[in-house]
Amino acid sequence: MPDMTLVCKDCGIEFIFSEGEQAFFAEKGFTNSPIRCPECRKARKQQRREKGIDKKAW
């Protein structure tokens, strides 16, 4: 599995989906590649926490 260059759905920048990340996703059973760059994923996760939507928010 070589590194993959993907384009973020939110901000449009290119980001690398590394071999290690691909192996991690496969290990967790995820079948899709990420659609957001790490920065946008972090921002989206924070927004979800603030709205109380995150599953882990107790």
N, C-alpha and C. Protein backbone atom coordinates (compact mmCIF):
# COMPACT_ATOMS: atom_id res chain seq x y z
N MET A 1 0.83 -1.19 0.00
CA MET A 1 0.00 0.00 0.00
C MET A 1 0.88 1.26 0.00
N PRO A 2 1.06 1.85 -1.12
CA PRO A 2 1.84 3.10 -1.14
C PRO A 2 1.02 4.26 -0.57
N ASP A 3 1.70 5.33 -0.18
CA ASP A 3 1.01 6.53 0.29
C ASP A 3 0.05 7.01 -0.79
N MET A 4 -1.08 7.56 -0.36
CA MET A 4 -2.08 8.09 -1.29
C MET A 4 -2.21 9.59 -1.06
N THR A 5 -2.36 10.35 -2.14
CA THR A 5 -2.63 11.78 -2.04
C THR A 5 -4.13 11.96 -2.24
N LEU A 6 -4.78 12.55 -1.23
CA LEU A 6 -6.22 12.77 -1.27
C LEU A 6 -6.50 14.26 -1.20
N VAL A 7 -7.72 14.66 -1.57
CA VAL A 7 -8.13 16.05 -1.51
C VAL A 7 -9.23 16.18 -0.46
N CYS A 8 -9.07 17.13 0.46
CA CYS A 8 -10.01 17.35 1.54
C CYS A 8 -11.35 17.87 1.00
N LYS A 9 -12.42 17.26 1.48
CA LYS A 9 -13.77 17.66 1.09
C LYS A 9 -14.12 19.07 1.56
N ASP A 10 -13.60 19.47 2.71
CA ASP A 10 -13.96 20.77 3.29
C ASP A 10 -13.11 21.92 2.77
N CYS A 11 -11.78 21.79 2.84
CA CYS A 11 -10.92 22.93 2.49
C CYS A 11 -10.26 22.81 1.12
N GLY A 12 -10.28 21.62 0.53
CA GLY A 12 -9.76 21.45 -0.82
C GLY A 12 -8.27 21.24 -0.94
N ILE A 13 -7.54 21.20 0.18
CA ILE A 13 -6.10 20.98 0.08
C ILE A 13 -5.80 19.49 -0.09
N GLU A 14 -4.65 19.21 -0.67
CA GLU A 14 -4.20 17.83 -0.79
C GLU A 14 -3.52 17.41 0.50
N PHE A 15 -3.73 16.16 0.90
CA PHE A 15 -3.05 15.63 2.07
C PHE A 15 -2.67 14.18 1.80
N ILE A 16 -1.68 13.71 2.53
CA ILE A 16 -1.16 12.35 2.34
C ILE A 16 -1.85 11.39 3.31
N PHE A 17 -2.35 10.30 2.76
CA PHE A 17 -2.90 9.18 3.54
C PHE A 17 -1.81 8.11 3.52
N SER A 18 -1.00 8.11 4.57
CA SER A 18 0.22 7.29 4.59
C SER A 18 -0.07 5.80 4.69
N GLU A 19 0.96 5.01 4.39
CA GLU A 19 0.85 3.56 4.52
C GLU A 19 0.45 3.16 5.93
N GLY A 20 1.05 3.81 6.92
CA GLY A 20 0.74 3.50 8.32
C GLY A 20 -0.71 3.81 8.66
N GLU A 21 -1.21 4.95 8.17
CA GLU A 21 -2.61 5.31 8.40
C GLU A 21 -3.54 4.32 7.71
N GLN A 22 -3.17 3.89 6.52
CA GLN A 22 -3.98 2.92 5.79
C GLN A 22 -4.04 1.60 6.55
N ALA A 23 -2.92 1.18 7.10
CA ALA A 23 -2.88 -0.06 7.88
C ALA A 23 -3.75 0.08 9.14
N PHE A 24 -3.68 1.25 9.80
CA PHE A 24 -4.51 1.50 10.98
C PHE A 24 -5.99 1.43 10.62
N PHE A 25 -6.38 2.08 9.53
CA PHE A 25 -7.78 2.06 9.10
C PHE A 25 -8.22 0.62 8.83
N ALA A 26 -7.38 -0.15 8.14
CA ALA A 26 -7.72 -1.54 7.82
C ALA A 26 -7.86 -2.37 9.10
N GLU A 27 -6.96 -2.13 10.06
CA GLU A 27 -7.00 -2.85 11.33
C GLU A 27 -8.30 -2.57 12.09
N LYS A 28 -8.79 -1.35 11.99
CA LYS A 28 -10.02 -0.96 12.67
C LYS A 28 -11.27 -1.37 11.89
N GLY A 29 -11.08 -1.89 10.68
CA GLY A 29 -12.21 -2.34 9.87
C GLY A 29 -12.83 -1.26 9.01
N PHE A 30 -12.17 -0.08 8.92
CA PHE A 30 -12.68 0.99 8.07
C PHE A 30 -12.39 0.64 6.62
N THR A 31 -13.40 0.77 5.76
CA THR A 31 -13.21 0.40 4.36
C THR A 31 -13.04 1.62 3.44
N ASN A 32 -13.35 2.81 3.94
CA ASN A 32 -13.22 4.03 3.14
C ASN A 32 -12.00 4.83 3.56
N SER A 33 -11.45 5.56 2.61
CA SER A 33 -10.36 6.49 2.90
C SER A 33 -10.95 7.73 3.54
N PRO A 34 -10.17 8.49 4.31
CA PRO A 34 -10.70 9.72 4.90
C PRO A 34 -11.05 10.73 3.82
N ILE A 35 -12.07 11.55 4.09
CA ILE A 35 -12.47 12.56 3.11
C ILE A 35 -12.05 13.96 3.55
N ARG A 36 -11.54 14.06 4.79
CA ARG A 36 -11.09 15.35 5.31
C ARG A 36 -9.63 15.25 5.74
N CYS A 37 -8.91 16.36 5.60
CA CYS A 37 -7.53 16.41 6.05
C CYS A 37 -7.51 16.37 7.58
N PRO A 38 -6.36 16.07 8.18
CA PRO A 38 -6.30 16.00 9.65
C PRO A 38 -6.79 17.27 10.35
N GLU A 39 -6.48 18.45 9.80
CA GLU A 39 -6.90 19.69 10.42
C GLU A 39 -8.42 19.84 10.41
N CYS A 40 -9.04 19.52 9.28
CA CYS A 40 -10.50 19.62 9.17
C CYS A 40 -11.19 18.55 10.01
N ARG A 41 -10.60 17.36 10.09
CA ARG A 41 -11.15 16.31 10.96
C ARG A 41 -11.15 16.78 12.40
N LYS A 42 -10.05 17.38 12.82
CA LYS A 42 -9.94 17.87 14.19
C LYS A 42 -10.98 18.97 14.45
N ALA A 43 -11.11 19.91 13.51
CA ALA A 43 -12.08 21.00 13.66
C ALA A 43 -13.51 20.46 13.70
N ARG A 44 -13.81 19.51 12.85
CA ARG A 44 -15.16 18.92 12.82
C ARG A 44 -15.46 18.18 14.12
N LYS A 45 -14.49 17.46 14.61
CA LYS A 45 -14.66 16.73 15.87
C LYS A 45 -14.93 17.71 17.01
N GLN A 46 -14.20 18.83 17.04
CA GLN A 46 -14.39 19.84 18.07
C GLN A 46 -15.78 20.46 17.96
N GLN A 47 -16.25 20.74 16.76
CA GLN A 47 -17.59 21.30 16.57
C GLN A 47 -18.65 20.34 17.08
N ARG A 48 -18.46 19.05 16.80
CA ARG A 48 -19.42 18.05 17.25
C ARG A 48 -19.45 17.97 18.78
N ARG A 49 -18.29 18.08 19.41
CA ARG A 49 -18.22 18.05 20.87
C ARG A 49 -18.95 19.25 21.46
N GLU A 50 -18.74 20.42 20.86
CA GLU A 50 -19.37 21.63 21.37
C GLU A 50 -20.89 21.57 21.26
N LYS A 51 -21.38 20.89 20.24
CA LYS A 51 -22.82 20.76 20.05
C LYS A 51 -23.40 19.58 20.84
N GLY A 52 -22.53 18.79 21.46
CA GLY A 52 -23.00 17.65 22.23
C GLY A 52 -23.43 16.47 21.38
N ILE A 53 -22.95 16.41 20.15
CA ILE A 53 -23.34 15.34 19.24
C ILE A 53 -22.39 14.15 19.32
N ASP A 54 -21.17 14.39 19.75
CA ASP A 54 -20.16 13.34 19.80
C ASP A 54 -20.63 12.21 20.70
N LYS A 55 -20.48 10.98 20.24
CA LYS A 55 -20.89 9.80 21.00
C LYS A 55 -20.18 9.71 22.34
N LYS A 56 -18.96 10.22 22.43
CA LYS A 56 -18.18 10.10 23.63
C LYS A 56 -18.45 11.23 24.63
N ALA A 57 -19.28 12.20 24.24
CA ALA A 57 -19.58 13.31 25.16
C ALA A 57 -20.55 12.80 26.23
N TRP A 58 -20.13 12.84 27.45
CA TRP A 58 -20.98 12.32 28.54
C TRP A 58 -21.62 13.41 29.29
